[in-house]
Amino acid sequence: MTLQAEIISRQTKKALLRVEHLKTYYPLRNGLFSRATGHIKAVDDVNLTLYKGETLGLVGESGCGKSTIGRSIMRLEQPYSGRILFDGEDITHFPVQRLKHVRTRMQMIFQDPFVSLNPRIRICDALAEPLMVHKRVRRSEAQREVAALLQTVGLPRSTNNRYPHELSGGQRQRIVIARAIALRPKLIVCDEPVSALDVSIQAQIMNLLQDLQEELKFTYLFITHGMGAVKQMSTRIAVMYLGKIVELAPTQHLFRQPKHPYTQLLLHAIPSPDPTLRKPNNQILLGDVPSSIDPPSGCRFHTRCPYAQTQCRTVEPALTDGDHAVACHYPLE
C-alpha cells in the first residue's frame, strides 16, 4: 500500500485512543520526611493516536519508557500530566469503579506469562474469572465459554484442569491471550508479548495475534524492542528514545527510509546472516541510554548520535507533523 493510500485509509477510520502530552514521572524521595528531590521522567510529553483496527508498534531500547506508556494507558500507572482519551472518554482521572467498566473494553498482555498467572489457580478458573466478575455469563455457562476460548487460542480442552507450572512458556502465553480476549475488548496493549519466548514460539504467538485481530477486529498497541517483530505486526511504528517519540511512520516507509539517526541505527543493529560482514562505526549504536533523571539538554540522542552538531546539544527538536514525523534537526534523506 502506498503512503497516500494509507493516509486515506486512516482518514476514514475513527481514532480509538488518543494520548495527549502524556508525562509519567516517578518521584525520587530523600530525607526524614521523604520529600521529592527530583523525578524519573519515564514518559515525557508523548502524543499518540491509535485508529480502530490497526496495530501501532512502539519500539526502542530497554528503559526508554515503552512499557510505562502501556501501563499508563491502562491506568496501572497514574500519569503526572496529560490526557488519555479512549473511545471518546477522557479516562485520565477516572476513579477505580469507573475504570472497572472501561477495562472490559481494554486489556493487556504482559511480558512474562508465568508472573501474570496465579500459580495456585487452575486454568479453567483463571479464564472464567473475568467472565464472572463482569457478569458476562452465568456460572453454569462459564466452562463452555472457557472451552471455546481454549479452542480459539489453539489449546486442547484438557488444559482446563492444569496449573500454570504444568504448561510451557508458549502455552502460558496463549492462556494470557485467551484471558485478554475473553471480554472481547476493543483495545489490547501487548507489552513485549513474545520477548520471553523461544524464536520458533514467537512466530506462532505473533501469527495467533494477527489471526485474532483479523477475525475479531481488535486494535493493538504492540510494544517490543525487536525490529523484526514490530515489522511483522505493525501498521505504523513509533520509535521511542529516553521518554520521547523520535519518529512515527507507516511500517514500510520507516524500514525503507528512516529519517532519525536512532531509527537508522536500530535497523542496522538487526543481525546479518553473513558472519564476516563488518559494519562501519556510523552504523553501530554505541554507548548506553542516559539517565532519565537528568536527561541531556537539546536532543536527547545527541550524546550517541554520529551526526550531532552544535544545535543538537542546545535546542530540543519538536516532532514534526505529517504521516512520517521525525524529531530531528537534521533528518536523514
Protein backbone atom coordinates (compact mmCIF):
# COMPACT_ATOMS: atom_id res chain seq x y z
CA MET A 1 0.00 0.00 0.00
CA THR A 2 1.29 3.44 -0.94
CA LEU A 3 1.70 6.19 1.64
CA GLN A 4 -1.21 8.13 0.08
CA ALA A 5 -3.47 5.08 0.27
CA GLU A 6 -2.55 4.56 3.92
CA ILE A 7 -3.34 8.22 4.69
CA ILE A 8 -6.78 7.92 3.06
CA SER A 9 -7.43 4.64 4.92
CA ARG A 10 -6.70 6.25 8.29
CA GLN A 11 -8.79 9.30 7.48
CA THR A 12 -11.83 7.05 7.05
CA LYS A 13 -11.20 5.36 10.41
CA LYS A 14 -12.10 6.64 13.84
CA ALA A 15 -9.44 7.22 16.47
CA LEU A 16 -9.92 4.71 19.29
CA LEU A 17 -7.17 6.07 21.53
CA ARG A 18 -5.50 9.48 21.79
CA VAL A 19 -2.60 10.19 24.12
CA GLU A 20 -2.01 13.92 24.50
CA HIS A 21 1.13 15.37 26.10
CA LEU A 22 1.44 12.35 28.38
CA LYS A 23 4.00 12.59 31.16
CA THR A 24 4.59 9.80 33.66
CA TYR A 25 7.15 10.75 36.30
CA TYR A 26 8.27 8.83 39.38
CA PRO A 27 9.35 10.96 42.36
CA LEU A 28 12.79 10.50 43.92
CA ARG A 29 12.39 10.79 47.68
CA ASN A 30 15.06 11.52 50.24
CA GLY A 31 15.44 12.62 53.84
CA LEU A 32 13.47 12.07 57.02
CA PHE A 33 10.16 13.24 55.54
CA SER A 34 10.67 11.52 52.17
CA ARG A 35 10.42 14.76 50.26
CA ALA A 36 10.63 14.59 46.49
CA THR A 37 14.07 15.80 45.36
CA GLY A 38 13.60 15.06 41.68
CA HIS A 39 11.79 12.83 39.19
CA ILE A 40 12.49 9.88 36.93
CA LYS A 41 11.00 11.09 33.64
CA ALA A 42 9.93 7.72 32.24
CA VAL A 43 7.49 9.24 29.72
CA ASP A 44 7.98 12.89 28.85
CA ASP A 45 5.40 14.69 26.68
CA VAL A 46 4.24 11.92 24.34
CA ASN A 47 1.44 12.27 21.76
CA LEU A 48 -0.02 9.20 20.04
CA THR A 49 -3.16 8.34 18.08
CA LEU A 50 -4.34 4.77 17.58
CA TYR A 51 -7.01 4.06 14.98
CA LYS A 52 -9.59 1.29 15.13
CA GLY A 53 -8.38 -1.97 13.66
CA GLU A 54 -4.71 -1.04 13.30
CA THR A 55 -1.59 -2.16 15.12
CA LEU A 56 0.67 0.62 16.33
CA GLY A 57 4.14 -0.67 17.13
CA LEU A 58 6.13 1.01 19.89
CA VAL A 59 9.83 0.17 19.69
CA GLY A 60 13.03 1.23 21.44
CA GLU A 61 15.77 0.08 23.79
CA SER A 62 15.08 -1.21 27.29
CA GLY A 63 14.42 1.62 29.71
CA CYS A 64 13.11 4.10 27.13
CA GLY A 65 9.60 4.19 28.61
CA LYS A 66 7.69 1.87 26.24
CA SER A 67 6.08 -0.28 28.92
CA THR A 68 5.33 2.77 31.06
CA ILE A 69 3.24 4.19 28.22
CA GLY A 70 1.27 0.94 28.04
CA ARG A 71 0.76 0.82 31.79
CA SER A 72 -0.24 4.49 31.87
CA ILE A 73 -2.84 3.93 29.14
CA MET A 74 -4.26 1.06 31.20
CA ARG A 75 -4.12 3.33 34.26
CA LEU A 76 -1.90 0.86 36.09
CA GLU A 77 0.34 3.90 36.50
CA GLN A 78 -1.04 7.34 37.25
CA PRO A 79 0.18 9.94 34.72
CA TYR A 80 1.92 13.03 36.05
CA SER A 81 0.12 15.17 33.45
CA GLY A 82 -1.50 14.94 30.03
CA ARG A 83 -4.66 13.23 28.82
CA ILE A 84 -5.68 9.70 27.79
CA LEU A 85 -8.78 9.68 25.57
CA PHE A 86 -10.20 6.20 25.00
CA ASP A 87 -13.27 5.52 22.90
CA GLY A 88 -14.42 9.12 23.23
CA GLU A 89 -13.88 9.38 27.02
CA ASP A 90 -11.14 11.12 28.98
CA ILE A 91 -10.10 8.32 31.35
CA THR A 92 -7.02 10.09 32.77
CA HIS A 93 -8.57 10.67 36.19
CA PHE A 94 -11.29 8.02 36.28
CA PRO A 95 -11.84 6.57 39.79
CA VAL A 96 -11.36 2.84 40.33
CA GLN A 97 -15.04 1.98 39.99
CA ARG A 98 -15.35 3.66 36.58
CA LEU A 99 -12.07 2.07 35.44
CA LYS A 100 -13.55 -1.36 36.14
CA HIS A 101 -16.07 -0.82 33.35
CA VAL A 102 -13.53 0.76 31.00
CA ARG A 103 -11.25 -2.26 31.33
CA THR A 104 -13.86 -4.52 29.80
CA ARG A 105 -13.02 -2.63 26.59
CA MET A 106 -9.23 -2.51 27.02
CA GLN A 107 -6.99 -5.35 28.16
CA MET A 108 -3.26 -6.02 28.47
CA ILE A 109 -0.95 -8.92 27.62
CA PHE A 110 2.11 -8.82 29.85
CA GLN A 111 5.68 -9.82 29.01
CA ASP A 112 6.06 -12.71 31.44
CA PRO A 113 3.09 -15.13 31.27
CA PHE A 114 4.22 -17.04 34.37
CA VAL A 115 4.15 -13.92 36.56
CA SER A 116 0.80 -12.75 35.18
CA LEU A 117 -0.94 -16.04 36.10
CA ASN A 118 -1.76 -17.08 39.66
CA PRO A 119 0.17 -20.34 40.24
CA ARG A 120 -2.48 -21.60 42.68
CA ILE A 121 -5.43 -21.23 40.30
CA ARG A 122 -6.32 -23.76 37.61
CA ILE A 123 -6.51 -22.54 34.03
CA CYS A 124 -10.28 -23.01 33.86
CA ASP A 125 -10.76 -20.75 36.90
CA ALA A 126 -8.28 -18.12 35.62
CA LEU A 127 -10.20 -17.83 32.34
CA ALA A 128 -13.64 -17.94 33.95
CA GLU A 129 -12.81 -15.22 36.50
CA PRO A 130 -13.12 -12.13 34.21
CA LEU A 131 -16.35 -13.53 32.74
CA MET A 132 -17.83 -13.98 36.21
CA VAL A 133 -16.56 -10.70 37.68
CA HIS A 134 -18.06 -8.69 34.83
CA LYS A 135 -21.19 -10.88 34.71
CA ARG A 136 -20.82 -11.81 31.07
CA VAL A 137 -22.05 -15.39 31.58
CA ARG A 138 -23.84 -17.44 34.21
CA ARG A 139 -21.77 -19.79 36.33
CA SER A 140 -23.32 -22.77 34.55
CA GLU A 141 -22.17 -21.37 31.18
CA ALA A 142 -18.65 -20.38 32.22
CA GLN A 143 -16.95 -23.68 31.43
CA ARG A 144 -18.44 -23.81 27.96
CA GLU A 145 -17.08 -20.32 27.29
CA VAL A 146 -13.67 -21.34 28.68
CA ALA A 147 -13.57 -24.34 26.34
CA ALA A 148 -14.32 -22.03 23.42
CA LEU A 149 -11.51 -19.66 24.47
CA LEU A 150 -9.02 -22.53 24.65
CA GLN A 151 -10.01 -23.63 21.17
CA THR A 152 -9.65 -20.07 19.87
CA VAL A 153 -6.02 -19.83 21.04
CA GLY A 154 -5.14 -23.34 19.85
CA LEU A 155 -5.03 -25.27 23.13
CA PRO A 156 -6.71 -28.62 23.86
CA ARG A 157 -9.64 -28.80 26.24
CA SER A 158 -7.53 -30.93 28.61
CA THR A 159 -5.62 -27.74 29.51
CA ASN A 160 -8.67 -26.84 31.60
CA ASN A 161 -7.63 -28.55 34.81
CA ARG A 162 -3.90 -27.84 34.69
CA TYR A 163 -1.91 -25.27 36.63
CA PRO A 164 0.43 -22.68 35.07
CA HIS A 165 3.60 -24.52 36.11
CA GLU A 166 2.44 -27.57 34.16
CA LEU A 167 2.46 -25.65 30.88
CA SER A 168 5.24 -24.48 28.58
CA GLY A 169 6.03 -20.79 28.10
CA GLY A 170 4.20 -20.68 24.79
CA GLN A 171 1.14 -22.41 26.26
CA ARG A 172 1.08 -19.98 29.19
CA GLN A 173 1.20 -17.03 26.83
CA ARG A 174 -1.73 -18.49 24.89
CA ILE A 175 -3.65 -18.64 28.18
CA VAL A 176 -2.82 -14.99 28.89
CA ILE A 177 -4.04 -14.08 25.38
CA ALA A 178 -7.25 -16.10 25.95
CA ARG A 179 -7.86 -14.20 29.19
CA ALA A 180 -7.24 -10.86 27.44
CA ILE A 181 -9.76 -11.59 24.67
CA ALA A 182 -12.40 -13.18 26.95
CA LEU A 183 -14.36 -9.92 27.27
CA ARG A 184 -13.93 -9.04 23.56
CA PRO A 185 -12.16 -5.72 24.24
CA LYS A 186 -11.65 -3.05 21.60
CA LEU A 187 -8.02 -2.35 22.52
CA ILE A 188 -5.29 -4.78 23.62
CA VAL A 189 -1.96 -3.44 24.88
CA CYS A 190 0.67 -6.09 24.09
CA ASP A 191 3.66 -5.41 26.34
CA GLU A 192 6.53 -7.38 24.77
CA PRO A 193 4.32 -10.50 24.50
CA VAL A 194 6.96 -12.61 22.71
CA SER A 195 10.28 -11.44 24.17
CA ALA A 196 10.34 -14.15 26.88
CA LEU A 197 9.71 -16.97 24.36
CA ASP A 198 11.86 -19.08 22.06
CA VAL A 199 12.18 -17.80 18.49
CA SER A 200 10.00 -20.54 16.97
CA ILE A 201 7.29 -19.93 19.58
CA GLN A 202 7.49 -16.17 18.99
CA ALA A 203 6.40 -16.66 15.39
CA GLN A 204 3.46 -18.83 16.47
CA ILE A 205 2.25 -16.27 19.02
CA MET A 206 2.54 -13.37 16.57
CA ASN A 207 0.62 -15.36 13.94
CA LEU A 208 -2.06 -16.09 16.55
CA LEU A 209 -2.36 -12.39 17.44
CA GLN A 210 -2.70 -11.47 13.77
CA ASP A 211 -5.34 -14.16 13.18
CA LEU A 212 -7.32 -12.95 16.20
CA GLN A 213 -7.13 -9.36 15.00
CA GLU A 214 -8.42 -10.29 11.58
CA GLU A 215 -11.24 -12.42 12.99
CA LEU A 216 -12.33 -10.30 15.98
CA LYS A 217 -11.28 -6.80 14.79
CA PHE A 218 -9.02 -5.98 17.72
CA THR A 219 -6.82 -2.89 17.88
CA TYR A 220 -3.28 -3.45 19.20
CA LEU A 221 -0.62 -1.31 20.79
CA PHE A 222 2.33 -3.64 20.23
CA ILE A 223 5.30 -2.84 22.49
CA THR A 224 8.64 -4.50 21.72
CA HIS A 225 12.38 -3.94 21.39
CA GLY A 226 12.68 -6.30 18.41
CA MET A 227 12.65 -4.68 14.97
CA GLY A 228 11.71 -7.95 13.28
CA ALA A 229 8.66 -8.45 15.49
CA VAL A 230 7.46 -4.86 15.11
CA LYS A 231 7.83 -5.06 11.32
CA GLN A 232 5.68 -8.20 11.12
CA MET A 233 2.96 -6.96 13.46
CA SER A 234 2.56 -3.23 12.90
CA THR A 235 0.62 -0.97 10.60
CA ARG A 236 2.58 2.03 11.87
CA ILE A 237 5.64 2.29 14.11
CA ALA A 238 6.56 4.83 16.78
CA VAL A 239 10.25 4.85 17.72
CA MET A 240 10.90 5.88 21.31
CA TYR A 241 14.08 7.13 22.95
CA LEU A 242 14.51 8.22 26.57
CA GLY A 243 10.85 9.01 27.22
CA LYS A 244 10.07 10.68 23.87
CA ILE A 245 8.80 9.67 20.42
CA VAL A 246 11.55 10.46 17.91
CA GLU A 247 9.97 9.05 14.75
CA LEU A 248 6.49 7.90 13.70
CA ALA A 249 5.69 6.46 10.28
CA PRO A 250 3.92 3.68 8.38
CA THR A 251 5.91 0.45 8.73
CA GLN A 252 7.07 0.08 5.13
CA HIS A 253 8.21 3.68 4.91
CA LEU A 254 10.06 3.56 8.22
CA PHE A 255 12.04 0.49 7.17
CA ARG A 256 12.67 1.78 3.65
CA GLN A 257 13.64 5.34 4.55
CA PRO A 258 14.28 6.01 8.27
CA LYS A 259 14.74 9.72 8.94
CA HIS A 260 16.03 9.72 12.52
CA PRO A 261 19.62 8.55 13.16
CA TYR A 262 18.43 6.46 16.11
CA THR A 263 15.94 4.58 13.91
CA GLN A 264 18.64 4.02 11.30
CA LEU A 265 20.99 2.59 13.90
CA LEU A 266 18.26 0.30 15.27
CA LEU A 267 17.76 -1.06 11.78
CA HIS A 268 21.50 -1.55 11.31
CA ALA A 269 21.52 -3.49 14.59
CA ILE A 270 19.38 -6.25 13.08
CA PRO A 271 21.70 -9.29 12.90
CA SER A 272 23.11 -10.10 9.46
CA PRO A 273 23.18 -13.72 8.19
CA ASP A 274 26.74 -13.07 6.97
CA PRO A 275 29.12 -13.51 9.98
CA THR A 276 32.04 -11.96 8.07
CA LEU A 277 30.23 -8.68 7.44
CA ARG A 278 31.72 -5.81 9.46
CA LYS A 279 29.73 -2.62 9.94
CA PRO A 280 31.34 0.85 9.95
CA ASN A 281 31.25 2.85 13.20
CA ASN A 282 28.45 5.13 11.98
CA GLN A 283 26.21 2.04 11.68
CA ILE A 284 26.79 0.84 15.25
CA LEU A 285 24.70 2.05 18.20
CA LEU A 286 27.36 2.90 20.78
CA GLY A 287 27.08 3.78 24.46
CA ASP A 288 24.23 3.43 26.94
CA VAL A 289 20.92 5.23 27.29
CA PRO A 290 21.48 8.32 29.51
CA SER A 291 19.72 8.68 32.85
CA SER A 292 16.05 9.67 32.69
CA ILE A 293 16.56 11.54 35.99
CA ASP A 294 18.74 14.15 34.29
CA PRO A 295 18.36 13.70 30.51
CA PRO A 296 20.75 15.51 28.15
CA SER A 297 19.89 19.01 27.02
CA GLY A 298 18.77 19.63 23.47
CA CYS A 299 18.20 16.45 21.51
CA ARG A 300 18.35 13.58 23.98
CA PHE A 301 20.08 11.37 21.42
CA HIS A 302 22.95 13.76 20.69
CA THR A 303 25.32 12.01 23.14
CA ARG A 304 25.23 8.88 20.94
CA CYS A 305 24.46 10.35 17.52
CA PRO A 306 27.20 10.14 14.84
CA TYR A 307 25.73 13.19 13.08
CA ALA A 308 25.25 15.52 16.09
CA GLN A 309 26.02 19.22 15.62
CA THR A 310 26.07 22.23 17.95
CA GLN A 311 22.34 22.92 17.63
CA CYS A 312 21.56 19.34 18.66
CA ARG A 313 23.25 19.89 22.01
CA THR A 314 21.29 23.00 22.92
CA VAL A 315 17.87 23.01 21.18
CA GLU A 316 15.34 20.22 21.63
CA PRO A 317 13.77 19.23 18.27
CA ALA A 318 9.98 19.01 18.06
CA LEU A 319 8.22 16.07 16.43
CA THR A 320 7.10 17.26 13.01
CA ASP A 321 3.56 16.94 11.70
CA GLY A 322 2.59 14.60 8.90
CA ASP A 323 2.40 10.88 8.30
CA HIS A 324 6.17 10.46 8.55
CA ALA A 325 7.00 12.52 11.62
CA VAL A 326 10.52 12.92 12.98
CA ALA A 327 12.10 14.84 15.86
CA CYS A 328 15.49 15.75 14.43
CA HIS A 329 17.19 18.99 13.37
CA TYR A 330 18.98 17.23 10.52
CA PRO A 331 16.78 14.32 9.40
CA LEU A 332 18.32 11.74 7.09
CA GLU A 333 17.34 11.73 3.43
